[in-house]
PDB file of N, CA and C in Angstrom:
ATOM      1  N   MET A   1       0.841  -1.175   0.000  1.00  0.00           N
ATOM      2  CA  MET A   1       0.000   0.000   0.000  1.00  0.00           C
ATOM      3  C   MET A   1       0.892   1.245   0.000  1.00  0.00           C
ATOM      4  N   VAL A   2       0.450   2.279  -0.683  1.00  0.00           N
ATOM      5  CA  VAL A   2       1.208   3.518  -0.770  1.00  0.00           C
ATOM      6  C   VAL A   2       0.931   4.344   0.480  1.00  0.00           C
ATOM      7  N   ASP A   3       1.959   4.616   1.270  1.00  0.00           N
ATOM      8  CA  ASP A   3       1.792   5.261   2.565  1.00  0.00           C
ATOM      9  C   ASP A   3       1.269   6.686   2.484  1.00  0.00           C
ATOM     10  N   ASP A   4       1.616   7.434   1.442  1.00  0.00           N
ATOM     11  CA  ASP A   4       1.252   8.852   1.437  1.00  0.00           C
ATOM     12  C   ASP A   4      -0.152   9.105   0.885  1.00  0.00           C
ATOM     13  N   LEU A   5      -1.007   8.087   0.791  1.00  0.00           N
ATOM     14  CA  LEU A   5      -2.375   8.301   0.333  1.00  0.00           C
ATOM     15  C   LEU A   5      -3.388   8.192   1.461  1.00  0.00           C
ATOM     16  N   GLY A   6      -2.950   8.237   2.697  1.00  0.00           N
ATOM     17  CA  GLY A   6      -3.834   7.987   3.815  1.00  0.00           C
ATOM     18  C   GLY A   6      -4.871   9.041   4.124  1.00  0.00           C
ATOM     19  N   ARG A   7      -4.561  10.293   4.007  1.00  0.00           N
ATOM     20  CA  ARG A   7      -5.509  11.335   4.388  1.00  0.00           C
ATOM     21  C   ARG A   7      -6.526  11.548   3.275  1.00  0.00           C
ATOM     22  N   TRP A   8      -7.781  11.776   3.649  1.00  0.00           N
ATOM     23  CA  TRP A   8      -8.834  11.908   2.639  1.00  0.00           C
ATOM     24  C   TRP A   8      -8.596  13.085   1.703  1.00  0.00           C
ATOM     25  N   ALA A   9      -7.986  14.158   2.176  1.00  0.00           N
ATOM     26  CA  ALA A   9      -7.767  15.329   1.341  1.00  0.00           C
ATOM     27  C   ALA A   9      -6.373  15.347   0.717  1.00  0.00           C
ATOM     28  N   GLU A  10      -5.642  14.255   0.818  1.00  0.00           N
ATOM     29  CA  GLU A  10      -4.315  14.182   0.206  1.00  0.00           C
ATOM     30  C   GLU A  10      -4.480  14.297  -1.305  1.00  0.00           C
ATOM     31  N   PRO A  11      -3.725  15.182  -1.933  1.00  0.00           N
ATOM     32  CA  PRO A  11      -3.892  15.390  -3.373  1.00  0.00           C
ATOM     33  C   PRO A  11      -3.845  14.101  -4.200  1.00  0.00           C
ATOM     34  N   GLY A  12      -2.963  13.188  -3.867  1.00  0.00           N
ATOM     35  CA  GLY A  12      -2.876  11.951  -4.646  1.00  0.00           C
ATOM     36  C   GLY A  12      -4.163  11.156  -4.617  1.00  0.00           C
ATOM     37  N   LEU A  13      -4.779  11.066  -3.467  1.00  0.00           N
ATOM     38  CA  LEU A  13      -6.032  10.326  -3.342  1.00  0.00           C
ATOM     39  C   LEU A  13      -7.161  11.034  -4.095  1.00  0.00           C
ATOM     40  N   LEU A  14      -7.200  12.349  -4.019  1.00  0.00           N
ATOM     41  CA  LEU A  14      -8.201  13.117  -4.753  1.00  0.00           C
ATOM     42  C   LEU A  14      -8.040  12.927  -6.259  1.00  0.00           C
ATOM     43  N   ILE A  15      -6.808  12.889  -6.726  1.00  0.00           N
ATOM     44  CA  ILE A  15      -6.543  12.686  -8.158  1.00  0.00           C
ATOM     45  C   ILE A  15      -6.982  11.285  -8.579  1.00  0.00           C
ATOM     46  N   LEU A  16      -6.651  10.271  -7.789  1.00  0.00           N
ATOM     47  CA  LEU A  16      -7.074   8.912  -8.125  1.00  0.00           C
ATOM     48  C   LEU A  16      -8.602   8.841  -8.220  1.00  0.00           C
ATOM     49  N   ALA A  17      -9.295   9.462  -7.286  1.00  0.00           N
ATOM     50  CA  ALA A  17     -10.760   9.457  -7.309  1.00  0.00           C
ATOM     51  C   ALA A  17     -11.283  10.180  -8.553  1.00  0.00           C
ATOM     52  N   SER A  18     -10.654  11.271  -8.927  1.00  0.00           N
ATOM     53  CA  SER A  18     -11.076  12.011 -10.112  1.00  0.00           C
ATOM     54  C   SER A  18     -10.903  11.175 -11.376  1.00  0.00           C
ATOM     55  N   LEU A  19      -9.812  10.435 -11.447  1.00  0.00           N
ATOM     56  CA  LEU A  19      -9.535   9.641 -12.638  1.00  0.00           C
ATOM     57  C   LEU A  19     -10.319   8.329 -12.684  1.00  0.00           C
ATOM     58  N   ALA A  20     -11.020   7.990 -11.615  1.00  0.00           N
ATOM     59  CA  ALA A  20     -11.743   6.721 -11.557  1.00  0.00           C
ATOM     60  C   ALA A  20     -12.846   6.625 -12.613  1.00  0.00           C
ATOM     61  N   ASP A  21     -13.352   7.761 -13.083  1.00  0.00           N
ATOM     62  CA  ASP A  21     -14.403   7.694 -14.110  1.00  0.00           C
ATOM     63  C   ASP A  21     -13.890   8.024 -15.507  1.00  0.00           C
ATOM     64  N   GLY A  22     -12.570   8.058 -15.675  1.00  0.00           N
ATOM     65  CA  GLY A  22     -12.010   8.262 -17.012  1.00  0.00           C
ATOM     66  C   GLY A  22     -10.834   9.214 -17.012  1.00  0.00           C
ATOM     67  N   ALA A  23     -10.105   9.187 -18.123  1.00  0.00           N
ATOM     68  CA  ALA A  23      -8.906  10.020 -18.281  1.00  0.00           C
ATOM     69  C   ALA A  23      -9.264  11.504 -18.255  1.00  0.00           C
ATOM     70  N   LYS A  24      -8.362  12.290 -17.676  1.00  0.00           N
ATOM     71  CA  LYS A  24      -8.539  13.745 -17.611  1.00  0.00           C
ATOM     72  C   LYS A  24      -7.181  14.425 -17.659  1.00  0.00           C
ATOM     73  N   HIS A  25      -7.166  15.652 -18.119  1.00  0.00           N
ATOM     74  CA  HIS A  25      -5.963  16.484 -18.043  1.00  0.00           C
ATOM     75  C   HIS A  25      -6.039  17.290 -16.747  1.00  0.00           C
ATOM     76  N   GLY A  26      -4.959  17.980 -16.438  1.00  0.00           N
ATOM     77  CA  GLY A  26      -4.835  18.664 -15.155  1.00  0.00           C
ATOM     78  C   GLY A  26      -5.963  19.605 -14.809  1.00  0.00           C
ATOM     79  N   TYR A  27      -6.344  20.476 -15.738  1.00  0.00           N
ATOM     80  CA  TYR A  27      -7.408  21.434 -15.447  1.00  0.00           C
ATOM     81  C   TYR A  27      -8.730  20.722 -15.181  1.00  0.00           C
ATOM     82  N   ALA A  28      -9.029  19.684 -15.957  1.00  0.00           N
ATOM     83  CA  ALA A  28     -10.273  18.934 -15.765  1.00  0.00           C
ATOM     84  C   ALA A  28     -10.279  18.246 -14.396  1.00  0.00           C
ATOM     85  N   MET A  29      -9.112  17.727 -13.967  1.00  0.00           N
ATOM     86  CA  MET A  29      -9.038  17.114 -12.640  1.00  0.00           C
ATOM     87  C   MET A  29      -9.277  18.155 -11.552  1.00  0.00           C
ATOM     88  N   THR A  30      -8.621  19.295 -11.678  1.00  0.00           N
ATOM     89  CA  THR A  30      -8.761  20.360 -10.687  1.00  0.00           C
ATOM     90  C   THR A  30     -10.220  20.789 -10.560  1.00  0.00           C
ATOM     91  N   THR A  31     -10.886  20.962 -11.696  1.00  0.00           N
ATOM     92  CA  THR A  31     -12.290  21.362 -11.702  1.00  0.00           C
ATOM     93  C   THR A  31     -13.170  20.286 -11.083  1.00  0.00           C
ATOM     94  N   ASP A  32     -12.942  19.038 -11.470  1.00  0.00           N
ATOM     95  CA  ASP A  32     -13.718  17.917 -10.938  1.00  0.00           C
ATOM     96  C   ASP A  32     -13.565  17.815  -9.421  1.00  0.00           C
ATOM     97  N   ILE A  33     -12.346  17.894  -8.942  1.00  0.00           N
ATOM     98  CA  ILE A  33     -12.087  17.787  -7.502  1.00  0.00           C
ATOM     99  C   ILE A  33     -12.746  18.947  -6.752  1.00  0.00           C
ATOM    100  N   ALA A  34     -12.639  20.142  -7.281  1.00  0.00           N
ATOM    101  CA  ALA A  34     -13.258  21.304  -6.629  1.00  0.00           C
ATOM    102  C   ALA A  34     -14.780  21.154  -6.579  1.00  0.00           C
ATOM    103  N   GLU A  35     -15.377  20.694  -7.677  1.00  0.00           N
ATOM    104  CA  GLU A  35     -16.829  20.544  -7.722  1.00  0.00           C
ATOM    105  C   GLU A  35     -17.327  19.404  -6.832  1.00  0.00           C
ATOM    106  N   GLN A  36     -16.630  18.291  -6.827  1.00  0.00           N
ATOM    107  CA  GLN A  36     -17.099  17.109  -6.114  1.00  0.00           C
ATOM    108  C   GLN A  36     -16.757  17.111  -4.625  1.00  0.00           C
ATOM    109  N   VAL A  37     -15.595  17.666  -4.266  1.00  0.00           N
ATOM    110  CA  VAL A  37     -15.111  17.555  -2.890  1.00  0.00           C
ATOM    111  C   VAL A  37     -14.941  18.912  -2.211  1.00  0.00           C
ATOM    112  N   GLY A  38     -14.883  19.973  -3.009  1.00  0.00           N
ATOM    113  CA  GLY A  38     -14.703  21.296  -2.439  1.00  0.00           C
ATOM    114  C   GLY A  38     -13.268  21.633  -2.075  1.00  0.00           C
ATOM    115  N   VAL A  39     -12.317  20.892  -2.660  1.00  0.00           N
ATOM    116  CA  VAL A  39     -10.895  21.130  -2.416  1.00  0.00           C
ATOM    117  C   VAL A  39     -10.284  21.659  -3.712  1.00  0.00           C
ATOM    118  N   THR A  40      -9.592  22.789  -3.619  1.00  0.00           N
ATOM    119  CA  THR A  40      -8.938  23.359  -4.789  1.00  0.00           C
ATOM    120  C   THR A  40      -7.445  23.065  -4.727  1.00  0.00           C
ATOM    121  N   LEU A  41      -6.959  22.344  -5.727  1.00  0.00           N
ATOM    122  CA  LEU A  41      -5.528  22.048  -5.815  1.00  0.00           C
ATOM    123  C   LEU A  41      -4.856  23.095  -6.683  1.00  0.00           C
ATOM    124  N   GLY A  42      -3.802  23.695  -6.166  1.00  0.00           N
ATOM    125  CA  GLY A  42      -3.018  24.630  -6.965  1.00  0.00           C
ATOM    126  C   GLY A  42      -2.192  23.862  -7.979  1.00  0.00           C
ATOM    127  N   PRO A  43      -1.723  24.543  -9.028  1.00  0.00           N
ATOM    128  CA  PRO A  43      -0.956  23.868 -10.071  1.00  0.00           C
ATOM    129  C   PRO A  43       0.283  23.147  -9.549  1.00  0.00           C
ATOM    130  N   GLY A  44       1.021  23.752  -8.631  1.00  0.00           N
ATOM    131  CA  GLY A  44       2.219  23.115  -8.089  1.00  0.00           C
ATOM    132  C   GLY A  44       1.887  21.835  -7.346  1.00  0.00           C
ATOM    133  N   THR A  45       0.843  21.883  -6.535  1.00  0.00           N
ATOM    134  CA  THR A  45       0.400  20.705  -5.789  1.00  0.00           C
ATOM    135  C   THR A  45      -0.075  19.621  -6.737  1.00  0.00           C
ATOM    136  N   LEU A  46      -0.876  20.001  -7.729  1.00  0.00           N
ATOM    137  CA  LEU A  46      -1.421  19.044  -8.688  1.00  0.00           C
ATOM    138  C   LEU A  46      -0.311  18.330  -9.443  1.00  0.00           C
ATOM    139  N   TYR A  47       0.594  19.091 -10.033  1.00  0.00           N
ATOM    140  CA  TYR A  47       1.607  18.465 -10.886  1.00  0.00           C
ATOM    141  C   TYR A  47       2.663  17.703 -10.088  1.00  0.00           C
ATOM    142  N   ALA A  48       2.931  18.112  -8.865  1.00  0.00           N
ATOM    143  CA  ALA A  48       3.835  17.330  -8.013  1.00  0.00           C
ATOM    144  C   ALA A  48       3.192  15.983  -7.685  1.00  0.00           C
ATOM    145  N   ALA A  49       1.891  15.999  -7.376  1.00  0.00           N
ATOM    146  CA  ALA A  49       1.181  14.756  -7.073  1.00  0.00           C
ATOM    147  C   ALA A  49       1.084  13.865  -8.308  1.00  0.00           C
ATOM    148  N   LEU A  50       0.824  14.461  -9.473  1.00  0.00           N
ATOM    149  CA  LEU A  50       0.771  13.670 -10.712  1.00  0.00           C
ATOM    150  C   LEU A  50       2.102  12.968 -10.964  1.00  0.00           C
ATOM    151  N   THR A  51       3.186  13.673 -10.766  1.00  0.00           N
ATOM    152  CA  THR A  51       4.522  13.092 -10.958  1.00  0.00           C
ATOM    153  C   THR A  51       4.733  11.930  -9.998  1.00  0.00           C
ATOM    154  N   ARG A  52       4.379  12.121  -8.742  1.00  0.00           N
ATOM    155  CA  ARG A  52       4.528  11.083  -7.725  1.00  0.00           C
ATOM    156  C   ARG A  52       3.673   9.851  -8.052  1.00  0.00           C
ATOM    157  N   LEU A  53       2.428  10.078  -8.459  1.00  0.00           N
ATOM    158  CA  LEU A  53       1.532   8.976  -8.790  1.00  0.00           C
ATOM    159  C   LEU A  53       2.001   8.211 -10.021  1.00  0.00           C
ATOM    160  N   GLU A  54       2.517   8.945 -10.991  1.00  0.00           N
ATOM    161  CA  GLU A  54       3.014   8.297 -12.212  1.00  0.00           C
ATOM    162  C   GLU A  54       4.254   7.461 -11.909  1.00  0.00           C
ATOM    163  N   LYS A  55       5.157   7.994 -11.101  1.00  0.00           N
ATOM    164  CA  LYS A  55       6.355   7.236 -10.714  1.00  0.00           C
ATOM    165  C   LYS A  55       5.993   5.994  -9.914  1.00  0.00           C
ATOM    166  N   SER A  56       4.907   6.055  -9.161  1.00  0.00           N
ATOM    167  CA  SER A  56       4.455   4.913  -8.366  1.00  0.00           C
ATOM    168  C   SER A  56       3.679   3.897  -9.196  1.00  0.00           C
ATOM    169  N   GLY A  57       3.378   4.231 -10.442  1.00  0.00           N
ATOM    170  CA  GLY A  57       2.637   3.321 -11.308  1.00  0.00           C
ATOM    171  C   GLY A  57       1.136   3.314 -11.065  1.00  0.00           C
ATOM    172  N   LEU A  58       0.624   4.322 -10.348  1.00  0.00           N
ATOM    173  CA  LEU A  58      -0.801   4.373 -10.051  1.00  0.00           C
ATOM    174  C   LEU A  58      -1.602   5.078 -11.142  1.00  0.00           C
ATOM    175  N   ILE A  59      -0.929   5.924 -11.921  1.00  0.00           N
ATOM    176  CA  ILE A  59      -1.538   6.568 -13.082  1.00  0.00           C
ATOM    177  C   ILE A  59      -0.538   6.508 -14.224  1.00  0.00           C
ATOM    178  N   GLU A  60      -1.038   6.746 -15.430  1.00  0.00           N
ATOM    179  CA  GLU A  60      -0.122   6.852 -16.569  1.00  0.00           C
ATOM    180  C   GLU A  60      -0.552   8.010 -17.439  1.00  0.00           C
ATOM    181  N   GLY A  61       0.456   8.703 -17.962  1.00  0.00           N
ATOM    182  CA  GLY A  61       0.205   9.798 -18.864  1.00  0.00           C
ATOM    183  C   GLY A  61      -0.101   9.265 -20.253  1.00  0.00           C
ATOM    184  N   LEU A  62      -1.018   9.932 -20.920  1.00  0.00           N
ATOM    185  CA  LEU A  62      -1.383   9.586 -22.288  1.00  0.00           C
ATOM    186  C   LEU A  62      -0.761  10.616 -23.229  1.00  0.00           C
ATOM    187  N   PRO A  63      -0.771  10.360 -24.525  1.00  0.00           N
ATOM    188  CA  PRO A  63      -0.225  11.355 -25.456  1.00  0.00           C
ATOM    189  C   PRO A  63      -0.931  12.702 -25.299  1.00  0.00           C
ATOM    190  N   ALA A  64      -0.150  13.762 -25.385  1.00  0.00           N
ATOM    191  CA  ALA A  64      -0.676  15.113 -25.215  1.00  0.00           C
ATOM    192  C   ALA A  64      -1.675  15.449 -26.314  1.00  0.00           C
ATOM    193  N   ASP A  65      -2.692  16.203 -25.927  1.00  0.00           N
ATOM    194  CA  ASP A  65      -3.676  16.732 -26.861  1.00  0.00           C
ATOM    195  C   ASP A  65      -3.456  18.236 -26.893  1.00  0.00           C
ATOM    196  N   GLY A  66      -2.608  18.677 -27.802  1.00  0.00           N
ATOM    197  CA  GLY A  66      -2.198  20.082 -27.789  1.00  0.00           C
ATOM    198  C   GLY A  66      -1.293  20.321 -26.604  1.00  0.00           C
ATOM    199  N   ARG A  67      -1.634  21.305 -25.782  1.00  0.00           N
ATOM    200  CA  ARG A  67      -0.837  21.596 -24.584  1.00  0.00           C
ATOM    201  C   ARG A  67      -1.264  20.762 -23.390  1.00  0.00           C
ATOM    202  N   ARG A  68      -2.379  20.080 -23.499  1.00  0.00           N
ATOM    203  CA  ARG A  68      -2.927  19.327 -22.366  1.00  0.00           C
ATOM    204  C   ARG A  68      -2.562  17.850 -22.462  1.00  0.00           C
ATOM    205  N   ARG A  69      -2.043  17.323 -21.359  1.00  0.00           N
ATOM    206  CA  ARG A  69      -1.694  15.904 -21.314  1.00  0.00           C
ATOM    207  C   ARG A  69      -2.658  15.190 -20.375  1.00  0.00           C
ATOM    208  N   PRO A  70      -3.460  14.296 -20.913  1.00  0.00           N
ATOM    209  CA  PRO A  70      -4.371  13.554 -20.039  1.00  0.00           C
ATOM    210  C   PRO A  70      -3.655  12.419 -19.307  1.00  0.00           C
ATOM    211  N   TYR A  71      -4.239  12.026 -18.210  1.00  0.00           N
ATOM    212  CA  TYR A  71      -3.739  10.914 -17.399  1.00  0.00           C
ATOM    213  C   TYR A  71      -4.889   9.946 -17.180  1.00  0.00           C
ATOM    214  N   ARG A  72      -4.536   8.685 -16.947  1.00  0.00           N
ATOM    215  CA  ARG A  72      -5.560   7.704 -16.607  1.00  0.00           C
ATOM    216  C   ARG A  72      -5.075   6.828 -15.463  1.00  0.00           C
ATOM    217  N   LEU A  73      -6.039   6.256 -14.791  1.00  0.00           N
ATOM    218  CA  LEU A  73      -5.792   5.343 -13.685  1.00  0.00           C
ATOM    219  C   LEU A  73      -5.270   4.017 -14.231  1.00  0.00           C
ATOM    220  N   THR A  74      -4.287   3.454 -13.577  1.00  0.00           N
ATOM    221  CA  THR A  74      -3.815   2.111 -13.939  1.00  0.00           C
ATOM    222  C   THR A  74      -4.576   1.093 -13.076  1.00  0.00           C
ATOM    223  N   ALA A  75      -4.385  -0.176 -13.367  1.00  0.00           N
ATOM    224  CA  ALA A  75      -5.006  -1.218 -12.541  1.00  0.00           C
ATOM    225  C   ALA A  75      -4.507  -1.107 -11.101  1.00  0.00           C
ATOM    226  N   ALA A  76      -3.219  -0.826 -10.934  1.00  0.00           N
ATOM    227  CA  ALA A  76      -2.668  -0.655  -9.585  1.00  0.00           C
ATOM    228  C   ALA A  76      -3.292   0.558  -8.898  1.00  0.00           C
ATOM    229  N   GLY A  77      -3.527   1.623  -9.644  1.00  0.00           N
ATOM    230  CA  GLY A  77      -4.164   2.816  -9.089  1.00  0.00           C
ATOM    231  C   GLY A  77      -5.592   2.545  -8.659  1.00  0.00           C
ATOM    232  N   ALA A  78      -6.319   1.775  -9.471  1.00  0.00           N
ATOM    233  CA  ALA A  78      -7.699   1.427  -9.119  1.00  0.00           C
ATOM    234  C   ALA A  78      -7.727   0.566  -7.858  1.00  0.00           C
ATOM    235  N   ALA A  79      -6.799  -0.374  -7.763  1.00  0.00           N
ATOM    236  CA  ALA A  79      -6.731  -1.229  -6.574  1.00  0.00           C
ATOM    237  C   ALA A  79      -6.402  -0.408  -5.331  1.00  0.00           C
ATOM    238  N   GLU A  80      -5.476   0.527  -5.459  1.00  0.00           N
ATOM    239  CA  GLU A  80      -5.106   1.378  -4.327  1.00  0.00           C
ATOM    240  C   GLU A  80      -6.261   2.270  -3.912  1.00  0.00           C
ATOM    241  N   LEU A  81      -6.953   2.848  -4.880  1.00  0.00           N
ATOM    242  CA  LEU A  81      -8.103   3.697  -4.577  1.00  0.00           C
ATOM    243  C   LEU A  81      -9.188   2.887  -3.872  1.00  0.00           C
ATOM    244  N   SER A  82      -9.447   1.692  -4.343  1.00  0.00           N
ATOM    245  CA  SER A  82     -10.443   0.819  -3.716  1.00  0.00           C
ATOM    246  C   SER A  82     -10.052   0.495  -2.267  1.00  0.00           C
ATOM    247  N   ALA A  83      -8.793   0.159  -2.056  1.00  0.00           N
ATOM    248  CA  ALA A  83      -8.321  -0.169  -0.707  1.00  0.00           C
ATOM    249  C   ALA A  83      -8.450   1.037   0.223  1.00  0.00           C
ATOM    250  N   GLN A  84      -8.073   2.203  -0.267  1.00  0.00           N
ATOM    251  CA  GLN A  84      -8.162   3.408   0.564  1.00  0.00           C
ATOM    252  C   GLN A  84      -9.612   3.767   0.856  1.00  0.00           C
ATOM    253  N   ALA A  85     -10.491   3.656  -0.143  1.00  0.00           N
ATOM    254  CA  ALA A  85     -11.904   3.987   0.051  1.00  0.00           C
ATOM    255  C   ALA A  85     -12.548   3.031   1.052  1.00  0.00           C
ATOM    256  N   THR A  86     -12.201   1.759   0.965  1.00  0.00           N
ATOM    257  CA  THR A  86     -12.733   0.772   1.907  1.00  0.00           C
ATOM    258  C   THR A  86     -12.256   1.080   3.316  1.00  0.00           C
ATOM    259  N   ARG A  87     -10.986   1.428   3.437  1.00  0.00           N
ATOM    260  CA  ARG A  87     -10.424   1.777   4.743  1.00  0.00           C
ATOM    261  C   ARG A  87     -11.118   3.012   5.335  1.00  0.00           C
ATOM    262  N   MET A  88     -11.352   4.023   4.491  1.00  0.00           N
ATOM    263  CA  MET A  88     -12.026   5.234   4.959  1.00  0.00           C
ATOM    264  C   MET A  88     -13.479   4.951   5.331  1.00  0.00           C
ATOM    265  N   GLN A  89     -14.126   4.060   4.575  1.00  0.00           N
ATOM    266  CA  GLN A  89     -15.507   3.691   4.871  1.00  0.00           C
ATOM    267  C   GLN A  89     -15.596   3.011   6.240  1.00  0.00           C
ATOM    268  N   ARG A  90     -14.647   2.114   6.521  1.00  0.00           N
ATOM    269  CA  ARG A  90     -14.623   1.447   7.830  1.00  0.00           C
ATOM    270  C   ARG A  90     -14.378   2.460   8.946  1.00  0.00           C
ATOM    271  N   LEU A  91     -13.461   3.379   8.717  1.00  0.00           N
ATOM    272  CA  LEU A  91     -13.178   4.407   9.720  1.00  0.00           C
ATOM    273  C   LEU A  91     -14.394   5.290   9.961  1.00  0.00           C
ATOM    274  N   ALA A  92     -15.096   5.675   8.898  1.00  0.00           N
ATOM    275  CA  ALA A  92     -16.289   6.508   9.046  1.00  0.00           C
ATOM    276  C   ALA A  92     -17.362   5.775   9.843  1.00  0.00           C
ATOM    277  N   ALA A  93     -17.583   4.498   9.521  1.00  0.00           N
ATOM    278  CA  ALA A  93     -18.592   3.724  10.240  1.00  0.00           C
ATOM    279  C   ALA A  93     -18.224   3.582  11.714  1.00  0.00           C
ATOM    280  N   LEU A  94     -16.972   3.286  11.996  1.00  0.00           N
ATOM    281  CA  LEU A  94     -16.509   3.166  13.377  1.00  0.00           C
ATOM    282  C   LEU A  94     -16.685   4.486  14.113  1.00  0.00           C
ATOM    283  N   SER A  95     -16.246   5.567  13.495  1.00  0.00           N
ATOM    284  CA  SER A  95     -16.318   6.885  14.135  1.00  0.00           C
ATOM    285  C   SER A  95     -17.759   7.296  14.407  1.00  0.00           C
ATOM    286  N   LEU A  96     -18.622   7.158  13.403  1.00  0.00           N
ATOM    287  CA  LEU A  96     -20.024   7.548  13.578  1.00  0.00           C
ATOM    288  C   LEU A  96     -20.717   6.668  14.602  1.00  0.00           C
ATOM    289  N   GLY A  97     -20.395   5.383  14.608  1.00  0.00           N
ATOM    290  CA  GLY A  97     -20.966   4.474  15.592  1.00  0.00           C
ATOM    291  C   GLY A  97     -20.568   4.848  16.996  1.00  0.00           C
ATOM    292  N   ARG A  98     -19.305   5.167  17.186  1.00  0.00           N
ATOM    293  CA  ARG A  98     -18.830   5.527  18.526  1.00  0.00           C
ATOM    294  C   ARG A  98     -19.336   6.883  18.970  1.00  0.00           C
ATOM    295  N   LEU A  99     -19.625   7.750  18.009  1.00  0.00           N
ATOM    296  CA  LEU A  99     -20.194   9.060  18.339  1.00  0.00           C
ATOM    297  C   LEU A  99     -21.698   9.007  18.532  1.00  0.00           C
ATOM    298  N   GLY A 100     -22.284   7.859  18.186  1.00  0.00           N
ATOM    299  CA  GLY A 100     -23.716   7.711  18.306  1.00  0.00           C
ATOM    300  C   GLY A 100     -24.490   8.387  17.196  1.00  0.00           C
ATOM    301  N   THR A 101     -23.835   8.632  16.078  1.00  0.00           N
ATOM    302  CA  THR A 101     -24.503   9.312  14.964  1.00  0.00           C
ATOM    303  C   THR A 101     -24.526   8.453  13.708  1.00  0.00           C
ATOM    304  N   ALA A 102     -24.412   7.142  13.890  1.00  0.00           N
ATOM    305  CA  ALA A 102     -24.418   6.237  12.729  1.00  0.00           C
ATOM    306  C   ALA A 102     -25.775   6.265  12.050  1.00  0.00           C
ATOM    307  N   PRO A 103     -25.797   6.204  10.721  1.00  0.00           N
ATOM    308  CA  PRO A 103     -27.088   6.175  10.012  1.00  0.00           C
ATOM    309  C   PRO A 103     -27.860   4.907  10.362  1.00  0.00           C
ATOM    310  N   ALA A 104     -29.166   5.020  10.359  1.00  0.00           N
ATOM    311  CA  ALA A 104     -30.030   3.875  10.707  1.00  0.00           C
ATOM    312  C   ALA A 104     -30.112   2.867   9.600  1.00  0.00           C
TER     313      ALA A 104
END
C-alpha cells in the first residue's frame, strides 16, 4: 500500500478518485475535484502529485492533446483507490458508531 495516500484530502487520493471515471488532463481534474469535494488544488500541488503517482505506477500519462496531457488510472491505481476507500468507509462507520450518529 502507498503510505502517502492515507488522508482523505491528500492530493494523490483526490486525483485517483477524479480519474476513476475516465482520463482527464490537469485542469479537468482540478475542476472535478473542486466541484465534487470542495478542495482546490493549486498547479504546483497538482503536478507534483501527478509526478509522484506516475512514478508509483498508479496513473499513466497519455499522449498530449495540444498543450494538455491527459492521465488515466492504472489497474494498480484502481486497486489502491479501492483499498483506501474501503479503509475510509470502515473508519467513518466506526467513528459515527462511537459518536452515536451512525445512520439507521
